[in-house]
Amino acid sequence: MLLPTSRVLKPVLNSKVQRSTSMLDFSHPFFRPTWRRWVVVILCLGMALFDFLNQNIFWAVVFGGLGSVALWMLFFDQATLKKLNDDQDNLE
């Protein structure tokens, strides 16, 4: 039995929505301002330090790894920096 919802879902399924290929998209427009990049990195590494000092080694490693990846991708990866700068130039 076909449901009448196919008329409703057809435009949604055919729409050209740009989907991210990564769960952590560091070239997202949210990260354009430099201060937001620093806040994300400092929060992750700060949480890692807090967990390490409270002897939660598992969570310290998780947040330390996430903070390290964020630091690398947001400040040292040339491809991500180029995308962020290109997006910022297109806004001006």
N, C-alpha and C. Protein backbone atom coordinates (compact mmCIF):
# COMPACT_ATOMS: atom_id res chain seq x y z
N MET A 1 0.83 -1.17 0.00
CA MET A 1 0.00 0.00 0.00
C MET A 1 0.88 1.24 0.00
N LEU A 2 0.69 2.11 -0.95
CA LEU A 2 1.45 3.35 -1.04
C LEU A 2 0.80 4.43 -0.19
N LEU A 3 1.62 5.13 0.53
CA LEU A 3 1.12 6.21 1.36
C LEU A 3 1.13 7.52 0.58
N PRO A 4 0.26 8.43 0.88
CA PRO A 4 0.23 9.71 0.17
C PRO A 4 1.40 10.62 0.52
N THR A 5 2.26 10.20 1.42
CA THR A 5 3.39 11.04 1.81
C THR A 5 4.44 11.13 0.72
N SER A 6 4.34 10.31 -0.30
CA SER A 6 5.35 10.36 -1.36
C SER A 6 5.35 11.72 -2.05
N ARG A 7 4.18 12.39 -2.14
CA ARG A 7 4.12 13.73 -2.72
C ARG A 7 4.85 14.72 -1.83
N VAL A 8 4.83 14.49 -0.54
CA VAL A 8 5.49 15.39 0.40
C VAL A 8 6.99 15.17 0.40
N LEU A 9 7.42 13.92 0.35
CA LEU A 9 8.84 13.61 0.44
C LEU A 9 9.59 13.82 -0.87
N LYS A 10 8.89 13.82 -1.99
CA LYS A 10 9.56 13.91 -3.28
C LYS A 10 10.41 15.18 -3.42
N PRO A 11 9.90 16.38 -3.08
CA PRO A 11 10.77 17.56 -3.18
C PRO A 11 11.95 17.52 -2.23
N VAL A 12 11.76 16.92 -1.05
CA VAL A 12 12.85 16.84 -0.08
C VAL A 12 13.95 15.92 -0.58
N LEU A 13 13.57 14.80 -1.15
CA LEU A 13 14.56 13.84 -1.62
C LEU A 13 15.27 14.32 -2.87
N ASN A 14 14.63 15.16 -3.67
CA ASN A 14 15.24 15.64 -4.90
C ASN A 14 15.99 16.96 -4.73
N SER A 15 15.94 17.55 -3.55
CA SER A 15 16.59 18.84 -3.36
C SER A 15 18.11 18.67 -3.36
N LYS A 16 18.77 19.71 -3.81
CA LYS A 16 20.23 19.71 -3.88
C LYS A 16 20.79 20.34 -2.61
N VAL A 17 20.88 19.56 -1.57
CA VAL A 17 21.41 20.02 -0.30
C VAL A 17 22.85 19.59 -0.19
N GLN A 18 23.72 20.54 0.12
CA GLN A 18 25.13 20.21 0.28
C GLN A 18 25.33 19.54 1.62
N ARG A 19 25.82 18.34 1.59
CA ARG A 19 26.02 17.58 2.81
C ARG A 19 27.52 17.51 3.12
N SER A 20 27.83 17.55 4.39
CA SER A 20 29.21 17.43 4.81
C SER A 20 29.67 15.98 4.67
N THR A 21 30.90 15.80 4.25
CA THR A 21 31.43 14.45 4.10
C THR A 21 32.12 13.98 5.37
N SER A 22 32.23 14.85 6.34
CA SER A 22 32.92 14.51 7.57
C SER A 22 32.06 14.86 8.77
N MET A 23 32.20 14.08 9.82
CA MET A 23 31.46 14.39 11.03
C MET A 23 31.98 15.68 11.67
N LEU A 24 33.26 15.87 11.62
CA LEU A 24 33.88 17.09 12.13
C LEU A 24 34.34 17.93 10.94
N ASP A 25 33.52 18.88 10.55
CA ASP A 25 33.84 19.71 9.39
C ASP A 25 34.49 21.00 9.90
N PHE A 26 35.81 21.03 9.89
CA PHE A 26 36.53 22.18 10.42
C PHE A 26 36.54 23.36 9.45
N SER A 27 36.05 23.17 8.23
CA SER A 27 35.96 24.30 7.29
C SER A 27 34.55 24.91 7.31
N HIS A 28 33.75 24.56 8.31
CA HIS A 28 32.40 25.12 8.45
C HIS A 28 32.50 26.62 8.73
N PRO A 29 31.56 27.40 8.22
CA PRO A 29 31.60 28.86 8.44
C PRO A 29 31.62 29.28 9.91
N PHE A 30 31.20 28.40 10.81
CA PHE A 30 31.25 28.71 12.24
C PHE A 30 32.67 29.04 12.69
N PHE A 31 33.66 28.42 12.07
CA PHE A 31 35.06 28.58 12.49
C PHE A 31 35.77 29.74 11.79
N ARG A 32 35.05 30.60 11.07
CA ARG A 32 35.71 31.74 10.41
C ARG A 32 36.42 32.67 11.39
N PRO A 33 35.75 33.13 12.47
CA PRO A 33 36.46 34.01 13.41
C PRO A 33 37.55 33.24 14.17
N THR A 34 38.71 33.84 14.27
CA THR A 34 39.84 33.19 14.92
C THR A 34 39.55 32.92 16.40
N TRP A 35 38.83 33.79 17.05
CA TRP A 35 38.57 33.61 18.48
C TRP A 35 37.76 32.35 18.73
N ARG A 36 36.86 31.98 17.82
CA ARG A 36 36.09 30.76 18.00
C ARG A 36 36.98 29.52 17.88
N ARG A 37 37.95 29.60 16.98
CA ARG A 37 38.88 28.48 16.83
C ARG A 37 39.67 28.29 18.12
N TRP A 38 40.15 29.39 18.69
CA TRP A 38 40.91 29.29 19.93
C TRP A 38 40.05 28.77 21.07
N VAL A 39 38.81 29.21 21.15
CA VAL A 39 37.92 28.76 22.23
C VAL A 39 37.70 27.25 22.15
N VAL A 40 37.48 26.73 20.95
CA VAL A 40 37.25 25.29 20.78
C VAL A 40 38.48 24.50 21.23
N VAL A 41 39.65 24.94 20.80
CA VAL A 41 40.89 24.23 21.14
C VAL A 41 41.16 24.31 22.64
N ILE A 42 41.01 25.49 23.23
CA ILE A 42 41.28 25.66 24.66
C ILE A 42 40.29 24.87 25.51
N LEU A 43 39.02 24.86 25.11
CA LEU A 43 38.04 24.08 25.87
C LEU A 43 38.36 22.58 25.83
N CYS A 44 38.71 22.08 24.67
CA CYS A 44 39.02 20.64 24.56
C CYS A 44 40.26 20.28 25.38
N LEU A 45 41.32 21.06 25.22
CA LEU A 45 42.55 20.75 25.96
C LEU A 45 42.39 21.03 27.45
N GLY A 46 41.61 22.04 27.81
CA GLY A 46 41.32 22.30 29.22
C GLY A 46 40.53 21.18 29.86
N MET A 47 39.57 20.64 29.12
CA MET A 47 38.79 19.50 29.64
C MET A 47 39.69 18.28 29.78
N ALA A 48 40.63 18.11 28.86
CA ALA A 48 41.57 16.99 28.97
C ALA A 48 42.42 17.13 30.22
N LEU A 49 42.90 18.34 30.48
CA LEU A 49 43.70 18.57 31.68
C LEU A 49 42.87 18.34 32.95
N PHE A 50 41.64 18.84 32.96
CA PHE A 50 40.75 18.64 34.10
C PHE A 50 40.51 17.15 34.35
N ASP A 51 40.24 16.40 33.29
CA ASP A 51 40.00 14.96 33.46
C ASP A 51 41.26 14.23 33.91
N PHE A 52 42.41 14.65 33.39
CA PHE A 52 43.66 14.01 33.80
C PHE A 52 43.94 14.26 35.28
N LEU A 53 43.70 15.48 35.73
CA LEU A 53 43.94 15.80 37.14
C LEU A 53 42.96 15.07 38.05
N ASN A 54 41.78 14.72 37.55
CA ASN A 54 40.80 13.96 38.33
C ASN A 54 40.91 12.47 38.08
N GLN A 55 41.97 12.04 37.45
CA GLN A 55 42.30 10.63 37.20
C GLN A 55 41.27 9.92 36.32
N ASN A 56 40.66 10.66 35.41
CA ASN A 56 39.79 10.07 34.40
C ASN A 56 40.59 9.98 33.10
N ILE A 57 41.46 8.99 33.06
CA ILE A 57 42.43 8.89 31.97
C ILE A 57 41.75 8.70 30.62
N PHE A 58 40.69 7.90 30.56
CA PHE A 58 40.00 7.65 29.29
C PHE A 58 39.50 8.96 28.69
N TRP A 59 38.78 9.76 29.48
CA TRP A 59 38.24 11.01 28.96
C TRP A 59 39.34 12.04 28.70
N ALA A 60 40.41 11.97 29.46
CA ALA A 60 41.54 12.86 29.20
C ALA A 60 42.14 12.58 27.84
N VAL A 61 42.26 11.30 27.49
CA VAL A 61 42.80 10.93 26.18
C VAL A 61 41.83 11.33 25.07
N VAL A 62 40.54 11.12 25.30
CA VAL A 62 39.54 11.48 24.28
C VAL A 62 39.57 12.98 24.01
N PHE A 63 39.48 13.79 25.05
CA PHE A 63 39.47 15.24 24.85
C PHE A 63 40.83 15.77 24.42
N GLY A 64 41.90 15.15 24.89
CA GLY A 64 43.23 15.55 24.42
C GLY A 64 43.41 15.28 22.94
N GLY A 65 42.92 14.12 22.49
CA GLY A 65 42.99 13.81 21.06
C GLY A 65 42.14 14.75 20.23
N LEU A 66 40.93 15.03 20.71
CA LEU A 66 40.05 15.95 19.99
C LEU A 66 40.65 17.35 19.94
N GLY A 67 41.22 17.79 21.05
CA GLY A 67 41.86 19.10 21.08
C GLY A 67 43.07 19.18 20.18
N SER A 68 43.83 18.09 20.12
CA SER A 68 45.00 18.06 19.24
C SER A 68 44.60 18.10 17.77
N VAL A 69 43.57 17.34 17.43
CA VAL A 69 43.08 17.35 16.05
C VAL A 69 42.52 18.72 15.70
N ALA A 70 41.77 19.32 16.62
CA ALA A 70 41.22 20.65 16.38
C ALA A 70 42.33 21.67 16.21
N LEU A 71 43.36 21.59 17.04
CA LEU A 71 44.49 22.52 16.92
C LEU A 71 45.15 22.38 15.55
N TRP A 72 45.38 21.16 15.14
CA TRP A 72 46.04 20.93 13.84
C TRP A 72 45.16 21.42 12.69
N MET A 73 43.89 21.02 12.70
CA MET A 73 43.01 21.35 11.57
C MET A 73 42.67 22.83 11.50
N LEU A 74 42.53 23.49 12.65
CA LEU A 74 42.10 24.88 12.64
C LEU A 74 43.24 25.89 12.50
N PHE A 75 44.48 25.46 12.76
CA PHE A 75 45.58 26.42 12.71
C PHE A 75 46.74 26.02 11.82
N PHE A 76 46.88 24.74 11.48
CA PHE A 76 48.04 24.33 10.71
C PHE A 76 47.71 23.67 9.37
N ASP A 77 46.51 23.18 9.18
CA ASP A 77 46.13 22.52 7.94
C ASP A 77 45.84 23.57 6.87
N GLN A 78 46.66 23.60 5.83
CA GLN A 78 46.55 24.63 4.82
C GLN A 78 45.25 24.56 4.02
N ALA A 79 44.74 23.37 3.75
CA ALA A 79 43.50 23.23 2.98
C ALA A 79 42.31 23.82 3.75
N THR A 80 42.24 23.54 5.05
CA THR A 80 41.15 24.08 5.86
C THR A 80 41.26 25.59 5.98
N LEU A 81 42.46 26.09 6.20
CA LEU A 81 42.65 27.54 6.32
C LEU A 81 42.29 28.25 5.01
N LYS A 82 42.62 27.63 3.88
CA LYS A 82 42.29 28.22 2.59
C LYS A 82 40.78 28.29 2.41
N LYS A 83 40.06 27.23 2.78
CA LYS A 83 38.59 27.24 2.66
C LYS A 83 37.98 28.30 3.56
N LEU A 84 38.49 28.41 4.80
CA LEU A 84 37.94 29.41 5.72
C LEU A 84 38.21 30.82 5.21
N ASN A 85 39.40 31.07 4.68
CA ASN A 85 39.73 32.39 4.17
C ASN A 85 38.97 32.70 2.89
N ASP A 86 38.76 31.71 2.03
CA ASP A 86 37.98 31.94 0.81
C ASP A 86 36.54 32.28 1.15
N ASP A 87 35.96 31.58 2.14
CA ASP A 87 34.60 31.89 2.56
C ASP A 87 34.50 33.29 3.12
N GLN A 88 35.52 33.71 3.86
CA GLN A 88 35.50 35.04 4.45
C GLN A 88 35.65 36.10 3.36
N ASP A 89 36.47 35.85 2.35
CA ASP A 89 36.62 36.79 1.25
C ASP A 89 35.35 36.91 0.43
N ASN A 90 34.58 35.84 0.32
CA ASN A 90 33.33 35.90 -0.44
C ASN A 90 32.27 36.70 0.28
N LEU A 91 32.38 36.82 1.59
CA LEU A 91 31.40 37.60 2.35
C LEU A 91 31.62 39.10 2.18
N GLU A 92 32.86 39.49 1.97
CA GLU A 92 33.19 40.92 1.91
C GLU A 92 32.85 41.53 0.59
